[in-house]
Amino acid sequence: MASLLDHTHARPAHDALKRLIAAPLSTIADIMARQQLLRALAALSPQVRWSELHGFAVQVGRYLASKFVLLPTSPVERALFAIRHRDIVAELTAQLRHVAELLRQCELLQPRLAALPSDAAFERIVGAFTNAVHDPRVATLCAAVARDNTNALAGLDAMVRGTSTGVKESVHAGTLGTPLRDLLLALIDAIWQLDAFCSLGTASEAFGGITPQLAPRGAAKVSFERLRHPLLPHGVGNDITLSREERVLFLTGPNMAGKSTLLRALGIAIYCAHLGMNVTADLAVVPLFDRLMVSISVRDNLQRGESLYLAEIRRVRTIVEAVARGEAVAAIFDEVFRGTNIADATQATALLVQGLAHAPHGTFVIASHLASVAHSVTHDGGVACWCMQVDIAGPTPLFTHRVLRGVSDVHLGMMLLDAEGVGPTLRRMAGLP
């Protein structure tokens, strides 16, 4: 998911993005505030000089982590130190100039950030910018840089890099007595976080689509018009709407019909809606969920002696336990229980569908080749059977990638085997007509 949303400009910002998207929002008010913020950041990001800002942030971070002894604050002691260690003094004064330039750029950016619509997480970023650039010690540093007085500038190393500055008062109560080093470290972290937020805003705009409507838990079911996968913005759009009574969307269709792409499009849309992002659709109504859980591409674990079927069962158990706890869960299953024989897979899948159909709330999407399961549960009001449309009137199947209500009984295995020439060859080898 991070790779899909990644428009960051540095590795630390990419790491911050992963942390950001790991914390989807849980209230409609928070999501609506994030939606406004991301739109504003998408417009702001192209105007930020990211390369320079990140370059100075990295340099200042290295300076603050340096193991050089702090330069003496006494002019006489500092002069003696400079005679013995001129290269160290030159290096540290150069780094102090980088600190001043970083703060200058952040000072220009800070009012624009403070004017943006905000949420709780972004307010901490603005606070870090504000605390750093408005600290009175910054004016002292910048004045020394402006005078180009190397000796005076070197005397500020302990003030900037020290762990205790002895400052007794500050223009911000929150920074009272806080070492400037700590404020700078918080500022650098805020820069990475700002880049992550801007990345979300940029990705949201790149999705196109629309801002989804959010509904309270249990107040509505998911509904999309012309839903598309964001990596296929010009792909086939599908309309999907469930009634409030329908808990399970059971999706059938042959391989290559588009089931997995549709599942991913649904999962991405629901997740991005909870991040405050756009979704690639013409209309979207998404209720709040406590948890989005996905069981796709489950693998066996040889080191733990875990078969594919057991791995699938344990993934399903995690989802079922969350539902049993009363959580509002959106869960997506792709070919669940494929790690066992057809008979067991059919029985287990039918039980899963029947159980989730009676969950008090939640939305569950299950894609399967097992059309027999769909036919057996059509009487259950909690299940909606949908299928991928395939036109088999011609010599080769035509995949429309469209979804509609119903059950697919299309079997293409032998047709494709013959279309690739494998079937006729095998029949000749076996002496069959």
Protein backbone atom coordinates (compact mmCIF):
# COMPACT_ATOMS: atom_id res chain seq x y z
CA MET A 1 0.00 0.00 0.00
CA ALA A 2 2.83 2.39 0.84
CA SER A 3 4.29 2.03 -2.65
CA LEU A 4 0.93 2.98 -4.20
CA LEU A 5 0.75 6.17 -2.13
CA ASP A 6 4.43 7.07 -2.10
CA HIS A 7 5.22 10.51 -3.46
CA THR A 8 7.76 11.32 -0.74
CA HIS A 9 11.16 12.83 -1.42
CA ALA A 10 13.41 11.03 1.08
CA ARG A 11 13.67 7.68 2.83
CA PRO A 12 12.79 9.01 6.32
CA ALA A 13 9.65 10.54 4.82
CA HIS A 14 8.76 7.18 3.26
CA ASP A 15 9.08 5.59 6.70
CA ALA A 16 6.86 8.34 8.13
CA LEU A 17 4.31 7.62 5.38
CA LYS A 18 4.15 3.96 6.40
CA ARG A 19 3.45 4.99 9.99
CA LEU A 20 0.81 7.48 8.84
CA ILE A 21 -1.18 5.03 6.74
CA ALA A 22 -0.96 2.42 9.50
CA ALA A 23 -3.27 4.64 11.57
CA PRO A 24 -6.57 5.10 9.64
CA LEU A 25 -9.05 7.51 11.19
CA SER A 26 -12.01 6.34 13.22
CA THR A 27 -14.53 9.22 13.29
CA ILE A 28 -16.37 11.05 10.53
CA ALA A 29 -15.25 14.42 11.92
CA ASP A 30 -11.58 13.39 11.81
CA ILE A 31 -11.90 12.00 8.29
CA MET A 32 -13.63 15.14 6.99
CA ALA A 33 -10.91 17.31 8.53
CA ARG A 34 -8.24 15.12 6.91
CA GLN A 35 -10.01 15.35 3.55
CA GLN A 36 -9.79 19.15 3.61
CA LEU A 37 -6.18 19.05 4.76
CA LEU A 38 -5.05 16.65 2.02
CA ARG A 39 -6.66 18.80 -0.68
CA ALA A 40 -4.79 21.83 0.65
CA LEU A 41 -1.49 19.93 0.89
CA ALA A 42 -1.81 18.66 -2.67
CA ALA A 43 -1.81 22.31 -3.79
CA LEU A 44 1.01 23.29 -1.41
CA SER A 45 3.45 20.43 -2.06
CA PRO A 46 4.63 21.52 -5.54
CA GLN A 47 5.63 24.89 -4.06
CA VAL A 48 7.88 23.40 -1.35
CA ARG A 49 11.59 23.21 -2.17
CA TRP A 50 11.80 19.62 -0.99
CA SER A 51 15.31 18.89 -2.20
CA GLU A 52 16.82 21.81 -0.30
CA LEU A 53 14.64 21.30 2.76
CA HIS A 54 15.52 17.62 3.01
CA GLY A 55 19.18 18.30 2.29
CA PHE A 56 19.49 20.73 5.18
CA ALA A 57 17.41 18.46 7.45
CA VAL A 58 19.81 15.57 6.83
CA GLN A 59 22.87 17.76 7.38
CA VAL A 60 21.50 19.25 10.60
CA GLY A 61 20.58 15.78 11.83
CA ARG A 62 24.14 14.62 11.28
CA TYR A 63 25.47 17.72 13.02
CA LEU A 64 23.30 17.14 16.08
CA ALA A 65 24.46 13.51 16.20
CA SER A 66 28.15 14.41 15.80
CA LYS A 67 30.58 13.30 18.48
CA PHE A 68 32.74 16.42 18.38
CA VAL A 69 33.38 18.02 21.74
CA LEU A 70 31.20 21.08 22.34
CA LEU A 71 33.06 24.29 21.48
CA PRO A 72 33.86 26.43 24.54
CA THR A 73 31.57 29.38 25.16
CA SER A 74 34.39 31.54 26.59
CA PRO A 75 35.98 33.61 23.79
CA VAL A 76 39.50 33.03 25.17
CA GLU A 77 39.08 29.27 25.52
CA ARG A 78 37.42 29.11 22.12
CA ALA A 79 40.31 30.98 20.52
CA LEU A 80 42.82 28.56 22.05
CA PHE A 81 40.72 25.61 20.90
CA ALA A 82 40.59 27.04 17.37
CA ILE A 83 44.39 27.28 17.24
CA ARG A 84 44.72 23.59 18.05
CA HIS A 85 41.65 22.32 16.16
CA ARG A 86 40.99 24.74 13.33
CA ASP A 87 39.41 22.02 11.15
CA ILE A 88 36.87 21.12 13.86
CA VAL A 89 35.88 24.74 14.36
CA ALA A 90 35.50 25.22 10.59
CA GLU A 91 33.33 22.13 10.31
CA LEU A 92 31.06 23.05 13.22
CA THR A 93 30.59 26.68 12.11
CA ALA A 94 29.66 25.42 8.63
CA GLN A 95 27.09 23.15 10.22
CA LEU A 96 25.70 26.03 12.29
CA ARG A 97 25.14 27.92 9.04
CA HIS A 98 23.16 24.90 7.79
CA VAL A 99 21.05 25.07 10.95
CA ALA A 100 20.32 28.72 10.31
CA GLU A 101 19.38 28.04 6.69
CA LEU A 102 17.08 25.18 7.70
CA LEU A 103 15.36 27.43 10.20
CA ARG A 104 15.07 30.21 7.62
CA GLN A 105 13.30 27.92 5.17
CA CYS A 106 11.02 26.56 7.88
CA GLU A 107 10.24 30.10 9.05
CA LEU A 108 8.97 30.91 5.54
CA LEU A 109 6.91 27.73 5.46
CA GLN A 110 5.48 27.88 8.98
CA PRO A 111 2.76 30.56 8.40
CA ARG A 112 1.48 28.67 5.38
CA LEU A 113 1.22 25.46 7.39
CA ALA A 114 -0.49 27.23 10.28
CA ALA A 115 -3.13 28.61 7.89
CA LEU A 116 -4.11 25.18 6.55
CA PRO A 117 -7.18 23.25 7.71
CA SER A 118 -5.80 20.83 10.26
CA ASP A 119 -6.33 17.75 12.34
CA ALA A 120 -4.75 16.52 15.56
CA ALA A 121 -1.82 14.75 13.90
CA PHE A 122 -1.01 17.66 11.61
CA GLU A 123 -1.26 20.16 14.47
CA ARG A 124 1.75 18.45 16.07
CA ILE A 125 3.72 19.09 12.88
CA VAL A 126 2.75 22.76 12.87
CA GLY A 127 3.61 22.95 16.57
CA ALA A 128 7.12 21.59 15.96
CA PHE A 129 7.68 24.19 13.21
CA THR A 130 6.32 26.98 15.41
CA ASN A 131 8.34 26.06 18.50
CA ALA A 132 11.58 25.86 16.55
CA VAL A 133 11.39 28.97 14.37
CA HIS A 134 9.97 31.23 17.09
CA ASP A 135 12.45 30.29 19.78
CA PRO A 136 14.42 33.45 20.74
CA ARG A 137 17.73 31.60 20.41
CA VAL A 138 17.09 31.26 16.70
CA ALA A 139 17.34 35.03 16.28
CA THR A 140 20.72 34.96 18.03
CA LEU A 141 21.97 32.24 15.69
CA CYS A 142 20.69 33.91 12.54
CA ALA A 143 22.18 37.27 13.58
CA ALA A 144 25.61 35.65 14.00
CA VAL A 145 25.31 34.04 10.58
CA ALA A 146 24.24 37.36 9.02
CA ARG A 147 27.27 39.13 10.51
CA ASP A 148 29.49 36.33 9.17
CA ASN A 149 31.38 36.39 12.46
CA THR A 150 32.99 32.96 12.65
CA ASN A 151 34.18 33.39 16.24
CA ALA A 152 30.78 34.54 17.50
CA LEU A 153 29.04 31.81 15.53
CA ALA A 154 31.32 29.12 16.94
CA GLY A 155 30.35 30.25 20.41
CA LEU A 156 26.78 29.13 19.74
CA ASP A 157 27.67 25.46 19.20
CA ALA A 158 26.96 24.58 22.84
CA MET A 159 23.67 26.50 22.71
CA VAL A 160 22.50 24.54 19.65
CA ARG A 161 24.03 21.12 20.15
CA GLY A 162 24.14 20.95 23.94
CA THR A 163 21.65 18.95 25.97
CA SER A 164 21.09 21.76 28.46
CA THR A 165 21.20 25.41 27.44
CA GLY A 166 20.33 27.12 30.68
CA VAL A 167 17.65 29.22 28.98
CA LYS A 168 15.25 30.49 31.60
CA GLU A 169 12.40 31.78 29.49
CA SER A 170 10.90 31.36 26.07
CA VAL A 171 8.20 32.95 23.97
CA HIS A 172 6.40 29.61 24.09
CA ALA A 173 5.60 28.00 27.39
CA GLY A 174 5.88 24.64 25.71
CA THR A 175 9.59 25.25 24.99
CA LEU A 176 10.51 26.67 28.41
CA GLY A 177 13.98 25.39 29.23
CA THR A 178 13.93 22.97 26.28
CA PRO A 179 17.36 22.55 24.65
CA LEU A 180 17.42 23.92 21.13
CA ARG A 181 18.81 20.55 20.09
CA ASP A 182 15.54 18.88 21.08
CA LEU A 183 13.49 21.47 19.20
CA LEU A 184 15.61 20.92 16.08
CA LEU A 185 15.24 17.15 16.29
CA ALA A 186 11.47 17.58 16.62
CA LEU A 187 11.53 19.95 13.64
CA ILE A 188 13.44 17.46 11.48
CA ASP A 189 10.96 14.71 12.36
CA ALA A 190 8.12 17.12 11.53
CA ILE A 191 9.67 17.73 8.09
CA TRP A 192 9.58 14.00 7.34
CA GLN A 193 5.99 13.83 8.59
CA LEU A 194 5.02 16.85 6.51
CA ASP A 195 6.41 15.15 3.42
CA ALA A 196 4.35 12.05 4.28
CA PHE A 197 1.16 14.10 4.61
CA CYS A 198 1.88 15.86 1.33
CA SER A 199 2.46 12.47 -0.26
CA LEU A 200 -1.04 11.39 0.78
CA GLY A 201 -2.48 14.61 -0.63
CA THR A 202 -0.63 14.15 -3.92
CA ALA A 203 -1.68 10.50 -4.19
CA SER A 204 -5.28 11.42 -3.43
CA GLU A 205 -5.31 13.96 -6.25
CA ALA A 206 -3.60 11.49 -8.59
CA PHE A 207 -6.39 8.98 -7.93
CA GLY A 208 -8.88 11.38 -9.47
CA GLY A 209 -12.28 10.09 -8.51
CA ILE A 210 -14.24 11.74 -5.75
CA THR A 211 -14.28 12.46 -2.06
CA PRO A 212 -16.29 9.61 -0.50
CA GLN A 213 -19.31 10.11 1.70
CA LEU A 214 -18.81 8.65 5.17
CA ALA A 215 -21.66 7.03 7.08
CA PRO A 216 -21.81 6.03 10.75
CA ARG A 217 -21.19 2.40 11.67
CA GLY A 218 -24.17 0.30 10.66
CA ALA A 219 -26.07 3.24 9.15
CA ALA A 220 -25.47 2.22 5.53
CA LYS A 221 -23.69 -0.35 3.39
CA VAL A 222 -20.91 0.23 0.94
CA SER A 223 -21.99 1.68 -2.38
CA PHE A 224 -19.88 2.61 -5.40
CA GLU A 225 -20.59 3.89 -8.88
CA ARG A 226 -17.94 3.25 -11.53
CA LEU A 227 -15.42 1.93 -9.01
CA ARG A 228 -11.96 1.42 -10.55
CA HIS A 229 -8.56 0.30 -9.36
CA PRO A 230 -6.38 3.44 -8.90
CA LEU A 231 -3.62 1.88 -10.99
CA LEU A 232 -6.19 1.41 -13.78
CA PRO A 233 -7.93 4.82 -13.77
CA HIS A 234 -9.23 4.25 -17.31
CA GLY A 235 -10.25 0.67 -16.66
CA VAL A 236 -13.78 -0.67 -16.53
CA GLY A 237 -15.88 1.04 -13.87
CA ASN A 238 -18.22 -1.14 -11.81
CA ASP A 239 -21.31 -0.26 -9.80
CA ILE A 240 -21.62 -2.16 -6.52
CA THR A 241 -24.30 -1.54 -3.92
CA LEU A 242 -25.32 -3.69 -0.99
CA SER A 243 -28.50 -3.34 1.02
CA ARG A 244 -28.29 -2.84 4.77
CA GLU A 245 -29.31 -6.49 5.26
CA GLU A 246 -26.62 -7.89 2.98
CA ARG A 247 -23.48 -8.68 4.95
CA VAL A 248 -21.69 -10.93 2.46
CA LEU A 249 -20.90 -10.22 -1.18
CA PHE A 250 -20.15 -13.63 -2.70
CA LEU A 251 -18.32 -13.15 -6.00
CA THR A 252 -17.98 -15.90 -8.59
CA GLY A 253 -16.32 -16.02 -11.98
CA PRO A 254 -13.55 -17.84 -13.85
CA ASN A 255 -9.86 -16.98 -13.78
CA MET A 256 -8.89 -13.79 -15.68
CA ALA A 257 -12.42 -12.42 -15.35
CA GLY A 258 -11.22 -9.71 -12.94
CA LYS A 259 -12.24 -10.96 -9.50
CA SER A 260 -8.90 -10.20 -7.81
CA THR A 261 -8.66 -6.73 -9.35
CA LEU A 262 -12.16 -5.92 -8.16
CA LEU A 263 -11.33 -7.15 -4.64
CA ARG A 264 -8.25 -4.96 -4.53
CA ALA A 265 -10.19 -1.97 -5.84
CA LEU A 266 -12.78 -2.44 -3.07
CA GLY A 267 -10.16 -2.85 -0.36
CA ILE A 268 -8.15 0.17 -1.49
CA ALA A 269 -11.28 2.32 -1.72
CA ILE A 270 -12.50 1.43 1.77
CA TYR A 271 -9.04 1.89 3.27
CA CYS A 272 -8.31 5.18 1.50
CA ALA A 273 -11.70 6.51 2.61
CA HIS A 274 -10.58 5.98 6.22
CA LEU A 275 -7.34 7.88 5.48
CA GLY A 276 -9.27 10.92 4.25
CA MET A 277 -8.29 10.31 0.63
CA ASN A 278 -10.23 10.30 -2.62
CA VAL A 279 -11.40 7.01 -4.07
CA THR A 280 -11.29 6.16 -7.77
CA ALA A 281 -15.03 6.14 -8.42
CA ASP A 282 -17.79 8.48 -9.55
CA LEU A 283 -19.72 8.02 -6.30
CA ALA A 284 -18.79 6.33 -3.04
CA VAL A 285 -20.61 5.79 0.24
CA VAL A 286 -18.47 4.08 2.87
CA PRO A 287 -19.58 3.34 6.44
CA LEU A 288 -17.04 3.54 9.23
CA PHE A 289 -15.30 0.30 10.07
CA ASP A 290 -13.23 -0.58 13.11
CA ARG A 291 -11.00 -2.85 11.06
CA LEU A 292 -10.19 -3.71 7.45
CA MET A 293 -8.86 -7.24 7.11
CA VAL A 294 -7.72 -8.96 3.93
CA SER A 295 -7.00 -12.61 3.17
CA ILE A 296 -5.33 -12.55 -0.23
CA SER A 297 -2.25 -14.45 -1.39
CA VAL A 298 -1.93 -16.52 1.78
CA ARG A 299 1.18 -18.74 1.70
CA ASP A 300 2.30 -21.79 3.58
CA ASN A 301 5.08 -21.48 6.13
CA LEU A 302 7.66 -24.24 5.83
CA GLN A 303 9.69 -23.04 8.81
CA ARG A 304 6.71 -23.41 11.12
CA GLY A 305 5.50 -26.57 9.40
CA GLU A 306 2.31 -24.74 8.45
CA SER A 307 0.39 -25.87 5.36
CA LEU A 308 -1.43 -23.46 3.08
CA TYR A 309 -4.78 -24.66 4.39
CA LEU A 310 -3.73 -24.16 8.02
CA ALA A 311 -2.38 -20.70 7.17
CA GLU A 312 -5.74 -19.85 5.60
CA ILE A 313 -7.64 -21.13 8.62
CA ARG A 314 -5.55 -19.01 10.98
CA ARG A 315 -6.08 -15.91 8.83
CA VAL A 316 -9.82 -16.58 8.82
CA ARG A 317 -9.77 -17.15 12.58
CA THR A 318 -8.33 -13.67 13.13
CA ILE A 319 -11.18 -12.16 11.13
CA VAL A 320 -13.91 -14.28 12.73
CA GLU A 321 -12.65 -13.49 16.23
CA ALA A 322 -12.80 -9.75 15.49
CA VAL A 323 -16.37 -10.14 14.26
CA ALA A 324 -17.27 -12.19 17.35
CA ARG A 325 -15.95 -9.37 19.56
CA GLY A 326 -18.54 -7.08 17.98
CA GLU A 327 -16.13 -5.05 15.85
CA ALA A 328 -17.37 -3.50 12.63
CA VAL A 329 -15.17 -5.36 10.18
CA ALA A 330 -14.65 -5.02 6.44
CA ALA A 331 -13.03 -8.28 5.33
CA ILE A 332 -11.98 -9.47 1.88
CA PHE A 333 -11.25 -13.10 1.00
CA ASP A 334 -9.84 -14.27 -2.33
CA GLU A 335 -10.30 -17.99 -3.05
CA VAL A 336 -10.48 -18.84 0.63
CA PHE A 337 -9.64 -22.45 1.62
CA ARG A 338 -8.02 -23.19 -1.73
CA GLY A 339 -5.32 -25.11 0.16
CA THR A 340 -7.53 -28.17 0.60
CA ASN A 341 -9.65 -30.52 -1.51
CA ILE A 342 -12.83 -29.37 -3.27
CA ALA A 343 -15.19 -31.11 -0.85
CA ASP A 344 -13.64 -29.59 2.28
CA ALA A 345 -13.23 -26.21 0.61
CA THR A 346 -16.90 -26.17 -0.39
CA GLN A 347 -18.09 -27.10 3.09
CA ALA A 348 -15.76 -24.66 4.86
CA THR A 349 -16.61 -21.81 2.49
CA ALA A 350 -20.34 -22.37 2.88
CA LEU A 351 -19.97 -22.31 6.67
CA LEU A 352 -17.94 -19.10 6.51
CA VAL A 353 -20.58 -17.43 4.32
CA GLN A 354 -23.46 -18.55 6.53
CA GLY A 355 -21.74 -17.41 9.71
CA LEU A 356 -20.73 -13.98 8.42
CA ALA A 357 -24.17 -13.45 6.87
CA HIS A 358 -25.55 -13.33 10.42
CA ALA A 359 -22.89 -11.00 11.83
CA PRO A 360 -24.48 -8.01 13.56
CA HIS A 361 -22.55 -5.58 11.38
CA GLY A 362 -19.73 -5.53 8.88
CA THR A 363 -19.17 -6.12 5.18
CA PHE A 364 -17.51 -9.28 3.86
CA VAL A 365 -16.44 -9.88 0.27
CA ILE A 366 -15.64 -13.48 -0.68
CA ALA A 367 -14.41 -14.36 -4.17
CA SER A 368 -14.56 -18.03 -5.11
CA HIS A 369 -14.71 -20.48 -8.00
CA LEU A 370 -17.19 -22.55 -5.98
CA ALA A 371 -20.46 -21.69 -7.68
CA SER A 372 -22.15 -24.51 -5.76
CA VAL A 373 -21.68 -22.51 -2.56
CA ALA A 374 -23.38 -19.51 -4.12
CA HIS A 375 -26.36 -21.62 -5.19
CA SER A 376 -26.65 -23.12 -1.69
CA VAL A 377 -26.77 -19.78 0.12
CA THR A 378 -28.96 -17.72 -2.21
CA HIS A 379 -31.90 -18.22 0.16
CA ASP A 380 -30.01 -16.41 2.94
CA GLY A 381 -31.02 -12.76 3.06
CA GLY A 382 -27.60 -11.75 4.35
CA VAL A 383 -25.82 -12.88 1.16
CA ALA A 384 -25.60 -11.02 -2.15
CA CYS A 385 -24.34 -13.14 -5.07
CA TRP A 386 -22.42 -11.25 -7.72
CA CYS A 387 -20.42 -12.52 -10.67
CA MET A 388 -17.92 -11.39 -13.27
CA GLN A 389 -19.46 -11.24 -16.72
CA VAL A 390 -17.82 -13.36 -19.44
CA ASP A 391 -18.96 -13.66 -23.06
CA ILE A 392 -18.30 -17.21 -24.34
CA ALA A 393 -20.29 -16.98 -27.57
CA GLY A 394 -17.13 -16.88 -29.70
CA PRO A 395 -14.24 -19.31 -30.06
CA THR A 396 -12.38 -17.60 -27.23
CA PRO A 397 -13.85 -16.06 -24.07
CA LEU A 398 -14.34 -12.30 -23.94
CA PHE A 399 -13.68 -10.85 -20.50
CA THR A 400 -15.70 -7.67 -19.97
CA HIS A 401 -14.39 -7.17 -16.41
CA ARG A 402 -17.88 -6.08 -15.43
CA VAL A 403 -19.63 -7.28 -12.30
CA LEU A 404 -23.35 -7.90 -12.00
CA ARG A 405 -25.76 -9.67 -9.71
CA GLY A 406 -25.97 -13.41 -10.13
CA VAL A 407 -23.84 -16.56 -10.07
CA SER A 408 -21.27 -17.53 -12.69
CA ASP A 409 -21.30 -21.15 -13.81
CA VAL A 410 -18.81 -20.50 -16.60
CA HIS A 411 -15.96 -23.03 -16.80
CA LEU A 412 -13.08 -22.06 -19.05
CA GLY A 413 -10.40 -24.57 -18.13
CA MET A 414 -10.84 -26.91 -21.10
CA MET A 415 -11.67 -24.08 -23.49
CA LEU A 416 -8.39 -22.34 -22.71
CA LEU A 417 -6.52 -25.66 -22.85
CA ASP A 418 -7.82 -26.17 -26.39
CA ALA A 419 -7.29 -22.53 -27.39
CA GLU A 420 -3.59 -22.86 -26.52
CA GLY A 421 -3.31 -26.08 -28.53
CA VAL A 422 -2.52 -28.25 -25.52
CA GLY A 423 -5.83 -30.12 -25.51
CA PRO A 424 -5.70 -31.32 -29.15
CA THR A 425 -2.09 -32.45 -28.76
CA LEU A 426 -2.88 -34.46 -25.65
CA ARG A 427 -5.88 -36.08 -27.35
CA ARG A 428 -3.74 -37.15 -30.30
CA MET A 429 -1.14 -38.57 -27.92
CA ALA A 430 -3.84 -40.50 -26.04
CA GLY A 431 -5.59 -41.64 -29.22
CA LEU A 432 -8.77 -39.84 -28.28
CA PRO A 433 -11.21 -38.21 -30.73
